[in-house]
Amino acid sequence: MSIEVSEILASVLNFMIFYFIVRFFFFKKIKAAMEERNNIVRDNIDKAIADREEAERLLAQAEETNHTAKERGIALINDYKHKAEDLYEDIVGDAREEARLIVRRGNTDAEREREQARKEMRRNVVELATALSQKAIGSDASEATHDRLVDDVIKKLGEE
């Protein structure tokens, strides 16, 4: 088995002819198809990177919005809680003041009633004493004299 130079030259020549035919008829089409495929892949990668960056930006924005909404919600809850506590304190304070006023009025009314009862009792005692003394003396005094005596006794009792 020997290799001949003429066979090698024929093979090289065949390969070169095949190469030129392929290059002349198909190379531009193959190169264009490969370039187009390369561009499609590059565009898809760029689009994927841009989409990922947009998704990350939207996620960060959503997280920020969520965080802000939570903080605002907590602030509103605390604000309404403080307002409710203040309102509660105002209502309780007003109720206590109202209760004090009612008790004070009740005490004033009771004192007034007590004083009125004392005056009425004194008047009754004086009238009874006058009636008893008139019976004991047996004299009839005029009504004006009787009223004057009652007033004098009440004044003396009031001074004591």
C-alpha atoms as a PDB file:
ATOM      1  CA  MET A   1       0.000   0.000   0.000  1.00  0.00           C
ATOM      2  CA  SER A   2       1.677   2.953  -1.184  1.00  0.00           C
ATOM      3  CA  ILE A   3       0.495   6.447  -1.326  1.00  0.00           C
ATOM      4  CA  GLU A   4       1.033   8.141  -4.540  1.00  0.00           C
ATOM      5  CA  VAL A   5       1.562  11.775  -5.038  1.00  0.00           C
ATOM      6  CA  SER A   6      -0.820  11.873  -7.934  1.00  0.00           C
ATOM      7  CA  GLU A   7      -3.639  10.561  -5.758  1.00  0.00           C
ATOM      8  CA  ILE A   8      -2.881  13.131  -3.099  1.00  0.00           C
ATOM      9  CA  LEU A   9      -2.826  15.861  -5.686  1.00  0.00           C
ATOM     10  CA  ALA A  10      -6.102  14.625  -7.154  1.00  0.00           C
ATOM     11  CA  SER A  11      -7.681  14.518  -3.679  1.00  0.00           C
ATOM     12  CA  VAL A  12      -6.449  18.003  -2.836  1.00  0.00           C
ATOM     13  CA  LEU A  13      -7.664  19.263  -6.180  1.00  0.00           C
ATOM     14  CA  ASN A  14     -11.076  17.616  -5.661  1.00  0.00           C
ATOM     15  CA  PHE A  15     -11.317  19.109  -2.177  1.00  0.00           C
ATOM     16  CA  MET A  16     -10.433  22.564  -3.480  1.00  0.00           C
ATOM     17  CA  ILE A  17     -12.997  22.318  -6.260  1.00  0.00           C
ATOM     18  CA  PHE A  18     -15.595  21.133  -3.756  1.00  0.00           C
ATOM     19  CA  TYR A  19     -14.646  23.971  -1.406  1.00  0.00           C
ATOM     20  CA  PHE A  20     -14.949  26.617  -4.128  1.00  0.00           C
ATOM     21  CA  ILE A  21     -18.288  25.228  -5.315  1.00  0.00           C
ATOM     22  CA  VAL A  22     -19.668  25.178  -1.766  1.00  0.00           C
ATOM     23  CA  ARG A  23     -18.223  28.578  -1.082  1.00  0.00           C
ATOM     24  CA  PHE A  24     -19.532  30.056  -4.302  1.00  0.00           C
ATOM     25  CA  PHE A  25     -23.064  28.627  -4.044  1.00  0.00           C
ATOM     26  CA  PHE A  26     -23.703  28.019  -0.342  1.00  0.00           C
ATOM     27  CA  PHE A  27     -21.205  29.899   1.808  1.00  0.00           C
ATOM     28  CA  LYS A  28     -22.999  33.256   1.662  1.00  0.00           C
ATOM     29  CA  LYS A  29     -26.319  31.601   2.477  1.00  0.00           C
ATOM     30  CA  ILE A  30     -24.832  29.558   5.303  1.00  0.00           C
ATOM     31  CA  LYS A  31     -22.948  32.583   6.624  1.00  0.00           C
ATOM     32  CA  ALA A  32     -26.111  34.713   6.389  1.00  0.00           C
ATOM     33  CA  ALA A  33     -28.150  32.022   8.163  1.00  0.00           C
ATOM     34  CA  MET A  34     -25.506  31.713  10.891  1.00  0.00           C
ATOM     35  CA  GLU A  35     -25.297  35.501  11.232  1.00  0.00           C
ATOM     36  CA  GLU A  36     -29.093  35.737  11.431  1.00  0.00           C
ATOM     37  CA  ARG A  37     -29.197  32.981  14.031  1.00  0.00           C
ATOM     38  CA  ASN A  38     -26.396  34.698  15.932  1.00  0.00           C
ATOM     39  CA  ASN A  39     -28.328  37.995  15.868  1.00  0.00           C
ATOM     40  CA  ILE A  40     -31.525  36.266  17.037  1.00  0.00           C
ATOM     41  CA  VAL A  41     -29.672  34.641  19.940  1.00  0.00           C
ATOM     42  CA  ARG A  42     -27.970  37.954  20.820  1.00  0.00           C
ATOM     43  CA  ASP A  43     -31.331  39.796  20.685  1.00  0.00           C
ATOM     44  CA  ASN A  44     -32.984  37.136  22.838  1.00  0.00           C
ATOM     45  CA  ILE A  45     -30.188  37.369  25.403  1.00  0.00           C
ATOM     46  CA  ASP A  46     -30.380  41.182  25.440  1.00  0.00           C
ATOM     47  CA  LYS A  47     -34.173  41.031  25.751  1.00  0.00           C
ATOM     48  CA  ALA A  48     -33.915  38.477  28.565  1.00  0.00           C
ATOM     49  CA  ILE A  49     -31.415  40.689  30.410  1.00  0.00           C
ATOM     50  CA  ALA A  50     -33.635  43.750  29.918  1.00  0.00           C
ATOM     51  CA  ASP A  51     -36.710  41.792  31.056  1.00  0.00           C
ATOM     52  CA  ARG A  52     -34.859  40.553  34.142  1.00  0.00           C
ATOM     53  CA  GLU A  53     -33.723  44.084  35.003  1.00  0.00           C
ATOM     54  CA  GLU A  54     -37.286  45.375  34.515  1.00  0.00           C
ATOM     55  CA  ALA A  55     -38.636  42.550  36.697  1.00  0.00           C
ATOM     56  CA  GLU A  56     -36.083  43.348  39.408  1.00  0.00           C
ATOM     57  CA  ARG A  57     -36.977  47.044  39.211  1.00  0.00           C
ATOM     58  CA  LEU A  58     -40.711  46.267  39.438  1.00  0.00           C
ATOM     59  CA  LEU A  59     -40.102  43.876  42.332  1.00  0.00           C
ATOM     60  CA  ALA A  60     -38.102  46.514  44.206  1.00  0.00           C
ATOM     61  CA  GLN A  61     -40.805  49.080  43.486  1.00  0.00           C
ATOM     62  CA  ALA A  62     -43.530  46.671  44.679  1.00  0.00           C
ATOM     63  CA  GLU A  63     -41.577  45.891  47.849  1.00  0.00           C
ATOM     64  CA  GLU A  64     -41.090  49.613  48.510  1.00  0.00           C
ATOM     65  CA  THR A  65     -44.788  50.274  47.916  1.00  0.00           C
ATOM     66  CA  ASN A  66     -45.703  47.385  50.196  1.00  0.00           C
ATOM     67  CA  HIS A  67     -43.315  48.613  52.885  1.00  0.00           C
ATOM     68  CA  THR A  68     -44.638  52.170  52.591  1.00  0.00           C
ATOM     69  CA  ALA A  69     -48.235  50.939  52.759  1.00  0.00           C
ATOM     70  CA  LYS A  70     -47.470  48.881  55.864  1.00  0.00           C
ATOM     71  CA  GLU A  71     -45.795  51.850  57.558  1.00  0.00           C
ATOM     72  CA  ARG A  72     -48.682  54.122  56.612  1.00  0.00           C
ATOM     73  CA  GLY A  73     -51.180  51.546  57.883  1.00  0.00           C
ATOM     74  CA  ILE A  74     -49.341  51.224  61.181  1.00  0.00           C
ATOM     75  CA  ALA A  75     -49.159  55.014  61.487  1.00  0.00           C
ATOM     76  CA  LEU A  76     -52.892  55.329  60.788  1.00  0.00           C
ATOM     77  CA  ILE A  77     -53.713  52.612  63.309  1.00  0.00           C
ATOM     78  CA  ASN A  78     -51.555  54.306  65.952  1.00  0.00           C
ATOM     79  CA  ASP A  79     -53.075  57.696  65.132  1.00  0.00           C
ATOM     80  CA  TYR A  80     -56.627  56.380  65.427  1.00  0.00           C
ATOM     81  CA  LYS A  81     -55.691  54.508  68.594  1.00  0.00           C
ATOM     82  CA  HIS A  82     -54.371  57.723  70.173  1.00  0.00           C
ATOM     83  CA  LYS A  83     -57.447  59.632  69.025  1.00  0.00           C
ATOM     84  CA  ALA A  84     -59.679  56.938  70.512  1.00  0.00           C
ATOM     85  CA  GLU A  85     -57.756  57.051  73.794  1.00  0.00           C
ATOM     86  CA  ASP A  86     -58.021  60.855  73.875  1.00  0.00           C
ATOM     87  CA  LEU A  87     -61.734  60.654  73.118  1.00  0.00           C
ATOM     88  CA  TYR A  88     -62.137  58.038  75.849  1.00  0.00           C
ATOM     89  CA  GLU A  89     -60.317  60.264  78.329  1.00  0.00           C
ATOM     90  CA  ASP A  90     -62.472  63.250  77.317  1.00  0.00           C
ATOM     91  CA  ILE A  91     -65.684  61.258  77.691  1.00  0.00           C
ATOM     92  CA  VAL A  92     -64.633  59.782  81.029  1.00  0.00           C
ATOM     93  CA  GLY A  93     -63.495  63.221  82.255  1.00  0.00           C
ATOM     94  CA  ASP A  94     -66.783  64.797  81.176  1.00  0.00           C
ATOM     95  CA  ALA A  95     -68.717  61.990  82.849  1.00  0.00           C
ATOM     96  CA  ARG A  96     -66.760  62.434  86.079  1.00  0.00           C
ATOM     97  CA  GLU A  97     -67.315  66.197  85.999  1.00  0.00           C
ATOM     98  CA  GLU A  98     -71.018  65.625  85.340  1.00  0.00           C
ATOM     99  CA  ALA A  99     -71.131  63.193  88.267  1.00  0.00           C
ATOM    100  CA  ARG A 100     -69.426  65.753  90.532  1.00  0.00           C
ATOM    101  CA  LEU A 101     -71.919  68.418  89.476  1.00  0.00           C
ATOM    102  CA  ILE A 102     -74.841  66.072  90.115  1.00  0.00           C
ATOM    103  CA  VAL A 103     -73.469  65.173  93.556  1.00  0.00           C
ATOM    104  CA  ARG A 104     -72.807  68.843  94.325  1.00  0.00           C
ATOM    105  CA  ARG A 105     -76.338  69.796  93.218  1.00  0.00           C
ATOM    106  CA  GLY A 106     -77.721  66.910  95.233  1.00  0.00           C
ATOM    107  CA  ASN A 107     -75.794  68.051  98.311  1.00  0.00           C
ATOM    108  CA  THR A 108     -76.928  71.644  97.778  1.00  0.00           C
ATOM    109  CA  ASP A 109     -80.542  70.543  97.328  1.00  0.00           C
ATOM    110  CA  ALA A 110     -80.314  68.304 100.402  1.00  0.00           C
ATOM    111  CA  GLU A 111     -78.818  71.145 102.460  1.00  0.00           C
ATOM    112  CA  ARG A 112     -81.541  73.500 101.245  1.00  0.00           C
ATOM    113  CA  GLU A 113     -84.234  70.922 102.107  1.00  0.00           C
ATOM    114  CA  ARG A 114     -82.635  70.349 105.519  1.00  0.00           C
ATOM    115  CA  GLU A 115     -82.544  74.104 106.198  1.00  0.00           C
ATOM    116  CA  GLN A 116     -86.145  74.438 105.022  1.00  0.00           C
ATOM    117  CA  ALA A 117     -87.142  71.566 107.317  1.00  0.00           C
ATOM    118  CA  ARG A 118     -85.350  73.225 110.267  1.00  0.00           C
ATOM    119  CA  LYS A 119     -87.108  76.524 109.622  1.00  0.00           C
ATOM    120  CA  GLU A 120     -90.443  74.753 109.333  1.00  0.00           C
ATOM    121  CA  MET A 121     -89.758  72.811 112.521  1.00  0.00           C
ATOM    122  CA  ARG A 122     -88.774  75.975 114.382  1.00  0.00           C
ATOM    123  CA  ARG A 123     -91.926  77.705 113.168  1.00  0.00           C
ATOM    124  CA  ASN A 124     -94.024  74.720 114.276  1.00  0.00           C
ATOM    125  CA  VAL A 125     -92.282  74.608 117.664  1.00  0.00           C
ATOM    126  CA  VAL A 126     -92.766  78.349 118.150  1.00  0.00           C
ATOM    127  CA  GLU A 127     -96.412  78.171 117.115  1.00  0.00           C
ATOM    128  CA  LEU A 128     -96.947  75.231 119.432  1.00  0.00           C
ATOM    129  CA  ALA A 129     -95.178  77.036 122.282  1.00  0.00           C
ATOM    130  CA  THR A 130     -97.228  80.172 121.619  1.00  0.00           C
ATOM    131  CA  ALA A 131    -100.438  78.195 121.540  1.00  0.00           C
ATOM    132  CA  LEU A 132     -99.512  76.469 124.782  1.00  0.00           C
ATOM    133  CA  SER A 133     -98.572  79.721 126.456  1.00  0.00           C
ATOM    134  CA  GLN A 134    -101.811  81.356 125.291  1.00  0.00           C
ATOM    135  CA  LYS A 135    -103.762  78.485 126.767  1.00  0.00           C
ATOM    136  CA  ALA A 136    -101.743  78.688 129.923  1.00  0.00           C
ATOM    137  CA  ILE A 137    -102.197  82.446 130.166  1.00  0.00           C
ATOM    138  CA  GLY A 138    -105.677  82.270 128.853  1.00  0.00           C
ATOM    139  CA  SER A 139    -105.415  85.363 126.765  1.00  0.00           C
ATOM    140  CA  ASP A 140    -106.266  85.767 123.177  1.00  0.00           C
ATOM    141  CA  ALA A 141    -103.631  87.643 121.290  1.00  0.00           C
ATOM    142  CA  SER A 142    -104.293  89.127 117.929  1.00  0.00           C
ATOM    143  CA  GLU A 143    -102.939  87.407 114.852  1.00  0.00           C
ATOM    144  CA  ALA A 144    -100.485  90.240 114.218  1.00  0.00           C
ATOM    145  CA  THR A 145     -99.161  89.938 117.762  1.00  0.00           C
ATOM    146  CA  HIS A 146     -98.961  86.193 117.357  1.00  0.00           C
ATOM    147  CA  ASP A 147     -96.946  86.514 114.071  1.00  0.00           C
ATOM    148  CA  ARG A 148     -94.662  89.107 115.653  1.00  0.00           C
ATOM    149  CA  LEU A 149     -93.944  86.812 118.628  1.00  0.00           C
ATOM    150  CA  VAL A 150     -93.236  83.873 116.279  1.00  0.00           C
ATOM    151  CA  ASP A 151     -90.830  85.966 114.161  1.00  0.00           C
ATOM    152  CA  ASP A 152     -89.015  87.237 117.279  1.00  0.00           C
ATOM    153  CA  VAL A 153     -88.526  83.718 118.611  1.00  0.00           C
ATOM    154  CA  ILE A 154     -87.328  82.467 115.212  1.00  0.00           C
ATOM    155  CA  LYS A 155     -84.808  85.313 115.012  1.00  0.00           C
ATOM    156  CA  LYS A 156     -83.517  84.497 118.475  1.00  0.00           C
ATOM    157  CA  LEU A 157     -83.239  80.806 117.618  1.00  0.00           C
ATOM    158  CA  GLY A 158     -81.478  81.665 114.340  1.00  0.00           C
ATOM    159  CA  GLU A 159     -78.911  83.783 116.202  1.00  0.00           C
ATOM    160  CA  GLU A 160     -78.017  80.913 118.505  1.00  0.00           C
END
